Amino acid sequence: MRRTFVVGCPRSGTTIVQAMLARHPAVFTLPETGFFEHLHGNTAWRWGDARIEYQQARLQQRLGFSRKHERNLFMTLQRMLSSSPVSSLRPSLRIRTLERRFITLLDRLAQENGRDMWLEKTPNHLLFIPEIEALVPDARFVHVIRPGMDVLASLADASLLFENDNAFPGGTVHWTKRWNRAMQIHRTHMAQPQHYLLFLDDLIEHPEREWLRLCEFLDIAADAPLNDACIQLIADLEQEPWKRRSIHGHLRMPDSKADGLFGPKLQRWLQTRLASYDDLRAHHMQAHGEDARAVREQPLHAQRTPKTVAARTGR
């Protein structure tokens, strides 16, 4: 069983990447579980929100014990996802045992669906890569990266459009720091063989090339016939309506929201505060023997013709 995690800063394009891969006959996937962030907690500290250094978690966590709330979450997840009767065994008190059961559950679900790879997509699991790698040494990670200005604009747009204060709490400064933290983590794993950096701009501009590379990394057949659309359940649109345009797995030209939402002063502030997307992308391309300047100078719409995108997405 091949195990893959799709991670990244929220609103970076993780859902469209998940939905595209879910159209592949080898891939099983599911809605975001948030499993590791629920189990280990201290997510805000890992993002760098807290002003003081995080003190080692509760005594029971330091000793490797889970809380009742976390055990109940796992049992709920198991009931929601499993098509066969859930074991009558009581949930373990040990964090490590719960983690192993989670992986075993996903393995079984993929096998029941006739797939030999599963894909778990929770953006915040970017922060828990060390714990995941310790548990699943052969796990692969797809890091989805989008320009910071676009991420901030998409976050603001989703909050305004759906008037949901709980979806993406925090303001511009808060999410600027989080996006910078995500960039730092991406850079840390850039040269590691089990990690793949997928830049959303490249996927949209060069869909065939990026699809071939992604399939090669995941060791799945790039020429396998894809479903016309993603038919696997990957989101609850009542709770996450901002995913509506992505869950079918068809690439589209993203809307440019920054100019409409951010004035010149705020855009200048973001340009000086956001970590450089272009530098990371150029460094990544250089590491893979590509000419970053040549790709950057290519006309923006050169690879975005309807025929090209339709051929790749099956439209």
Protein backbone atom coordinates (compact mmCIF):
# COMPACT_ATOMS: atom_id res chain seq x y z
CA MET A 1 0.00 0.00 0.00
CA ARG A 2 1.34 3.40 -1.01
CA ARG A 3 0.53 6.21 1.41
CA THR A 4 0.49 9.85 0.41
CA PHE A 5 -0.20 13.09 2.26
CA VAL A 6 -1.12 16.33 0.47
CA VAL A 7 -0.15 19.33 2.58
CA GLY A 8 0.26 23.09 2.33
CA CYS A 9 -0.92 26.41 3.62
CA PRO A 10 -4.76 26.60 3.53
CA ARG A 11 -6.16 28.03 0.27
CA SER A 12 -3.07 26.99 -1.69
CA GLY A 13 -4.79 24.55 -4.04
CA THR A 14 -4.61 21.32 -2.04
CA THR A 15 -8.25 20.48 -2.82
CA ILE A 16 -7.91 20.70 -6.60
CA VAL A 17 -4.75 18.55 -6.46
CA GLN A 18 -6.56 15.98 -4.30
CA ALA A 19 -9.57 15.97 -6.64
CA MET A 20 -7.40 15.54 -9.75
CA LEU A 21 -5.58 12.59 -8.22
CA ALA A 22 -8.88 11.11 -7.01
CA ARG A 23 -9.87 10.71 -10.69
CA HIS A 24 -7.04 8.18 -11.09
CA PRO A 25 -8.10 4.51 -10.82
CA ALA A 26 -5.26 3.67 -8.42
CA VAL A 27 -6.01 6.37 -5.84
CA PHE A 28 -8.37 6.23 -2.87
CA THR A 29 -9.01 9.41 -0.92
CA LEU A 30 -11.38 10.85 1.65
CA PRO A 31 -12.41 14.18 3.23
CA GLU A 32 -9.91 15.99 5.43
CA THR A 33 -9.44 14.09 8.67
CA GLY A 34 -7.32 16.52 10.67
CA PHE A 35 -6.20 13.39 12.49
CA PHE A 36 -2.68 14.36 13.52
CA GLU A 37 -3.54 17.93 14.49
CA HIS A 38 -6.38 16.62 16.67
CA LEU A 39 -4.20 13.93 18.19
CA HIS A 40 -1.09 15.98 18.89
CA GLY A 41 -2.59 19.45 19.27
CA ASN A 42 -0.44 22.59 19.70
CA THR A 43 -1.24 23.56 16.10
CA ALA A 44 -1.18 27.31 16.79
CA TRP A 45 2.26 27.01 18.34
CA ARG A 46 3.55 25.06 15.35
CA TRP A 47 2.27 27.77 13.05
CA GLY A 48 4.16 30.30 15.16
CA ASP A 49 1.05 32.08 16.47
CA ALA A 50 2.03 31.85 20.14
CA ARG A 51 4.35 34.50 21.53
CA ILE A 52 5.97 32.22 24.08
CA GLU A 53 7.74 28.98 23.45
CA TYR A 54 5.40 26.02 23.64
CA GLN A 55 5.78 24.13 26.89
CA GLN A 56 5.76 20.38 26.36
CA ALA A 57 2.18 19.19 26.14
CA ARG A 58 0.13 17.84 29.02
CA LEU A 59 1.74 15.21 31.19
CA GLN A 60 -0.39 12.48 29.64
CA GLN A 61 0.82 13.47 26.17
CA ARG A 62 4.43 13.55 27.31
CA LEU A 63 3.96 10.00 28.55
CA GLY A 64 2.35 8.99 25.25
CA PHE A 65 -1.26 8.86 26.42
CA SER A 66 -4.21 10.21 24.46
CA ARG A 67 -7.18 12.10 25.86
CA LYS A 68 -10.76 10.82 25.91
CA HIS A 69 -11.71 13.50 23.36
CA GLU A 70 -9.05 12.28 20.94
CA ARG A 71 -10.09 8.65 21.34
CA ASN A 72 -13.72 9.55 20.67
CA LEU A 73 -12.66 11.46 17.54
CA PHE A 74 -10.92 8.37 16.23
CA MET A 75 -13.92 6.15 16.89
CA THR A 76 -16.18 8.67 15.14
CA LEU A 77 -13.84 8.75 12.15
CA GLN A 78 -13.78 4.97 12.04
CA ARG A 79 -17.59 4.76 12.08
CA MET A 80 -17.91 7.41 9.35
CA LEU A 81 -15.40 5.84 6.98
CA SER A 82 -15.76 2.12 7.48
CA SER A 83 -18.25 0.16 5.42
CA SER A 84 -17.73 -2.97 7.51
CA PRO A 85 -18.69 -3.40 11.18
CA VAL A 86 -16.48 -1.43 13.52
CA SER A 87 -14.47 -3.48 15.96
CA SER A 88 -15.91 -3.68 19.45
CA LEU A 89 -12.45 -3.15 20.93
CA ARG A 90 -12.15 -0.09 23.11
CA PRO A 91 -9.98 2.69 21.66
CA SER A 92 -6.43 2.57 22.91
CA LEU A 93 -5.12 4.92 25.56
CA ARG A 94 -1.82 5.14 23.73
CA ILE A 95 -1.23 7.78 21.07
CA ARG A 96 1.07 5.49 19.10
CA THR A 97 -1.55 2.75 18.97
CA LEU A 98 -4.21 5.19 17.75
CA GLU A 99 -1.83 6.36 15.03
CA ARG A 100 -1.21 2.81 13.84
CA ARG A 101 -4.94 2.07 13.82
CA PHE A 102 -5.53 5.17 11.71
CA ILE A 103 -3.03 4.04 9.09
CA THR A 104 -4.44 0.50 9.16
CA LEU A 105 -7.94 1.91 8.66
CA LEU A 106 -6.88 3.84 5.55
CA ASP A 107 -5.03 0.80 4.21
CA ARG A 108 -8.16 -1.31 4.60
CA LEU A 109 -10.46 1.30 3.06
CA ALA A 110 -8.21 1.59 0.00
CA GLN A 111 -8.10 -2.19 -0.40
CA GLU A 112 -11.89 -2.47 -0.07
CA ASN A 113 -12.20 0.06 -2.90
CA GLY A 114 -9.76 -1.81 -5.12
CA ARG A 115 -7.02 0.86 -4.89
CA ASP A 116 -3.35 0.36 -4.07
CA MET A 117 -2.68 3.94 -2.96
CA TRP A 118 -4.46 6.21 -0.54
CA LEU A 119 -4.19 9.95 -0.28
CA GLU A 120 -4.93 11.93 2.87
CA LYS A 121 -5.27 15.69 2.43
CA THR A 122 -5.23 17.95 5.47
CA PRO A 123 -3.31 21.19 4.85
CA ASN A 124 -2.30 21.54 8.52
CA HIS A 125 -0.59 18.16 8.46
CA LEU A 126 2.28 20.13 6.96
CA LEU A 127 3.09 20.93 10.59
CA PHE A 128 3.16 17.29 11.66
CA ILE A 129 5.51 15.82 9.06
CA PRO A 130 8.04 14.59 11.68
CA GLU A 131 5.34 12.61 13.51
CA ILE A 132 3.95 11.19 10.26
CA GLU A 133 7.38 10.19 8.98
CA ALA A 134 8.20 8.47 12.27
CA LEU A 135 4.97 6.49 11.96
CA VAL A 136 5.04 5.84 8.19
CA PRO A 137 8.67 5.86 7.00
CA ASP A 138 7.66 5.26 3.38
CA ALA A 139 5.03 8.02 3.30
CA ARG A 140 5.17 10.50 0.42
CA PHE A 141 4.27 14.15 0.72
CA VAL A 142 2.97 16.46 -1.99
CA HIS A 143 3.51 20.08 -0.96
CA VAL A 144 1.11 22.37 -2.84
CA ILE A 145 2.44 25.94 -3.05
CA ARG A 146 0.67 29.05 -4.31
CA PRO A 147 1.89 32.68 -4.39
CA GLY A 148 1.40 34.33 -1.01
CA MET A 149 -0.58 37.31 -2.31
CA ASP A 150 -3.07 34.93 -3.94
CA VAL A 151 -3.35 32.85 -0.78
CA LEU A 152 -4.06 35.90 1.37
CA ALA A 153 -6.62 37.19 -1.12
CA SER A 154 -8.33 33.79 -1.33
CA LEU A 155 -8.54 33.59 2.47
CA ALA A 156 -10.07 37.06 2.67
CA ASP A 157 -12.49 36.32 -0.18
CA ALA A 158 -13.72 33.08 1.41
CA SER A 159 -14.31 34.81 4.75
CA LEU A 160 -16.25 37.64 3.09
CA LEU A 161 -18.20 35.52 0.63
CA PHE A 162 -19.39 32.92 3.12
CA GLU A 163 -19.35 35.13 6.25
CA ASN A 164 -17.77 32.31 8.22
CA ASP A 165 -15.57 33.64 11.02
CA ASN A 166 -14.60 30.13 12.10
CA ALA A 167 -13.31 28.91 8.74
CA PHE A 168 -10.11 30.97 8.56
CA PRO A 169 -9.87 33.04 11.76
CA GLY A 170 -7.24 35.75 11.95
CA GLY A 171 -6.35 38.78 9.89
CA THR A 172 -3.78 39.67 7.28
CA VAL A 173 -0.81 39.77 9.67
CA HIS A 174 -1.82 36.43 11.17
CA TRP A 175 -2.02 34.65 7.80
CA THR A 176 1.07 36.33 6.45
CA LYS A 177 3.05 34.77 9.29
CA ARG A 178 1.42 31.41 8.70
CA TRP A 179 2.18 31.48 4.98
CA ASN A 180 5.80 32.36 5.72
CA ARG A 181 5.97 29.46 8.15
CA ALA A 182 4.62 27.14 5.45
CA MET A 183 7.27 28.38 3.03
CA GLN A 184 9.95 27.67 5.61
CA ILE A 185 8.74 24.08 5.96
CA HIS A 186 8.51 23.59 2.19
CA ARG A 187 12.09 24.77 1.79
CA THR A 188 13.28 22.41 4.53
CA HIS A 189 11.93 19.38 2.67
CA MET A 190 12.70 20.51 -0.87
CA ALA A 191 15.63 18.15 -1.47
CA GLN A 192 14.20 15.10 0.29
CA PRO A 193 13.22 12.24 -2.03
CA GLN A 194 9.90 11.47 -0.30
CA HIS A 195 8.71 15.07 -0.76
CA TYR A 196 7.44 16.73 -3.94
CA LEU A 197 6.97 20.48 -4.29
CA LEU A 198 4.08 21.24 -6.65
CA PHE A 199 3.74 24.91 -7.56
CA LEU A 200 0.14 25.72 -8.46
CA ASP A 201 1.17 28.17 -11.19
CA ASP A 202 3.17 25.43 -12.90
CA LEU A 203 0.29 22.97 -12.70
CA ILE A 204 -2.02 25.47 -14.40
CA GLU A 205 0.48 26.67 -17.01
CA HIS A 206 2.00 23.27 -17.83
CA PRO A 207 -0.64 20.66 -16.88
CA GLU A 208 0.72 17.79 -18.98
CA ARG A 209 4.28 18.22 -17.76
CA GLU A 210 3.31 18.57 -14.11
CA TRP A 211 0.88 15.65 -14.27
CA LEU A 212 3.61 13.39 -15.65
CA ARG A 213 6.02 14.48 -12.94
CA LEU A 214 3.48 14.06 -10.18
CA CYS A 215 2.52 10.58 -11.36
CA GLU A 216 6.18 9.60 -11.62
CA PHE A 217 6.76 10.76 -8.05
CA LEU A 218 3.74 8.82 -6.78
CA ASP A 219 4.60 5.78 -8.91
CA ILE A 220 1.20 5.66 -10.62
CA ALA A 221 0.51 5.33 -14.35
CA ALA A 222 0.29 8.78 -15.94
CA ASP A 223 -1.58 7.38 -18.97
CA ALA A 224 -4.26 5.56 -16.98
CA PRO A 225 -7.81 6.55 -18.04
CA LEU A 226 -9.18 9.13 -15.61
CA ASN A 227 -12.76 9.46 -14.44
CA ASP A 228 -14.58 12.34 -16.10
CA ALA A 229 -14.76 13.98 -12.66
CA CYS A 230 -13.87 13.15 -9.09
CA ILE A 231 -16.60 10.83 -7.81
CA GLN A 232 -15.06 10.18 -4.41
CA LEU A 233 -16.34 12.16 -1.45
CA ILE A 234 -13.65 14.65 -0.50
CA ALA A 235 -15.57 17.51 1.14
CA ASP A 236 -18.77 18.45 2.94
CA LEU A 237 -19.93 21.43 0.89
CA GLU A 238 -22.39 22.53 3.55
CA GLN A 239 -19.48 23.01 5.93
CA GLU A 240 -16.88 23.95 3.30
CA PRO A 241 -18.72 25.75 0.47
CA TRP A 242 -15.50 27.42 -0.72
CA LYS A 243 -14.41 24.05 -2.14
CA ARG A 244 -17.33 23.83 -4.55
CA ARG A 245 -15.33 24.84 -7.63
CA SER A 246 -12.48 22.41 -6.94
CA ILE A 247 -14.03 19.09 -5.94
CA HIS A 248 -14.63 17.87 -9.51
CA GLY A 249 -10.90 17.80 -10.27
CA HIS A 250 -10.87 20.03 -13.36
CA LEU A 251 -8.17 22.66 -13.68
CA ARG A 252 -9.33 26.19 -14.34
CA MET A 253 -7.78 29.61 -14.54
CA PRO A 254 -7.92 30.97 -10.98
CA ASP A 255 -9.61 34.29 -10.38
CA SER A 256 -7.28 37.16 -9.52
CA LYS A 257 -8.64 38.55 -6.27
CA ALA A 258 -5.77 40.60 -4.86
CA ASP A 259 -6.38 43.78 -6.87
CA GLY A 260 -10.06 43.79 -6.01
CA LEU A 261 -9.59 43.12 -2.31
CA PHE A 262 -6.29 44.81 -1.45
CA GLY A 263 -5.44 48.44 -2.04
CA PRO A 264 -1.98 49.62 -3.15
CA LYS A 265 -0.75 50.25 0.40
CA LEU A 266 -1.68 46.78 1.63
CA GLN A 267 -0.22 45.16 -1.48
CA ARG A 268 3.07 46.98 -0.90
CA TRP A 269 3.06 45.83 2.71
CA LEU A 270 2.46 42.21 1.67
CA GLN A 271 5.20 42.38 -0.94
CA THR A 272 7.70 43.35 1.75
CA ARG A 273 6.45 40.85 4.36
CA LEU A 274 5.70 37.69 2.42
CA ALA A 275 8.52 35.21 1.86
CA SER A 276 9.56 35.05 -1.78
CA TYR A 277 7.57 32.51 -3.76
CA ASP A 278 9.68 33.19 -6.85
CA ASP A 279 12.92 32.49 -5.01
CA LEU A 280 11.70 29.15 -3.69
CA ARG A 281 10.36 28.17 -7.11
CA ALA A 282 13.59 29.19 -8.84
CA HIS A 283 15.69 27.32 -6.28
CA HIS A 284 13.55 24.24 -6.74
CA MET A 285 13.81 24.40 -10.53
CA GLN A 286 17.55 24.92 -10.37
CA ALA A 287 17.86 21.86 -8.14
CA HIS A 288 16.08 19.88 -10.88
CA GLY A 289 18.25 21.25 -13.67
CA GLU A 290 15.69 23.61 -15.19
CA ASP A 291 16.06 27.15 -16.45
CA ALA A 292 13.80 29.17 -14.16
CA ARG A 293 14.25 32.33 -16.25
CA ALA A 294 13.10 30.67 -19.46
CA VAL A 295 9.95 29.34 -17.85
CA ARG A 296 9.22 32.63 -16.09
CA GLU A 297 9.61 34.59 -19.34
CA GLN A 298 7.25 32.31 -21.23
CA PRO A 299 3.89 34.03 -21.89
CA LEU A 300 1.49 33.39 -19.03
CA HIS A 301 -1.18 31.83 -21.23
CA ALA A 302 1.16 29.83 -23.42
CA GLN A 303 0.14 26.53 -21.85
CA ARG A 304 -3.39 27.49 -20.82
CA THR A 305 -5.28 27.00 -24.06
CA PRO A 306 -8.68 25.29 -23.67
CA LYS A 307 -7.51 22.40 -25.83
CA THR A 308 -4.47 21.72 -23.64
CA VAL A 309 -6.30 21.91 -20.32
CA ALA A 310 -9.23 19.91 -21.67
CA ALA A 311 -6.95 17.15 -22.87
CA ARG A 312 -5.32 16.79 -19.49
CA THR A 313 -8.47 17.01 -17.37
CA GLY A 314 -10.67 14.89 -19.59
CA ARG A 315 -13.09 17.68 -20.51
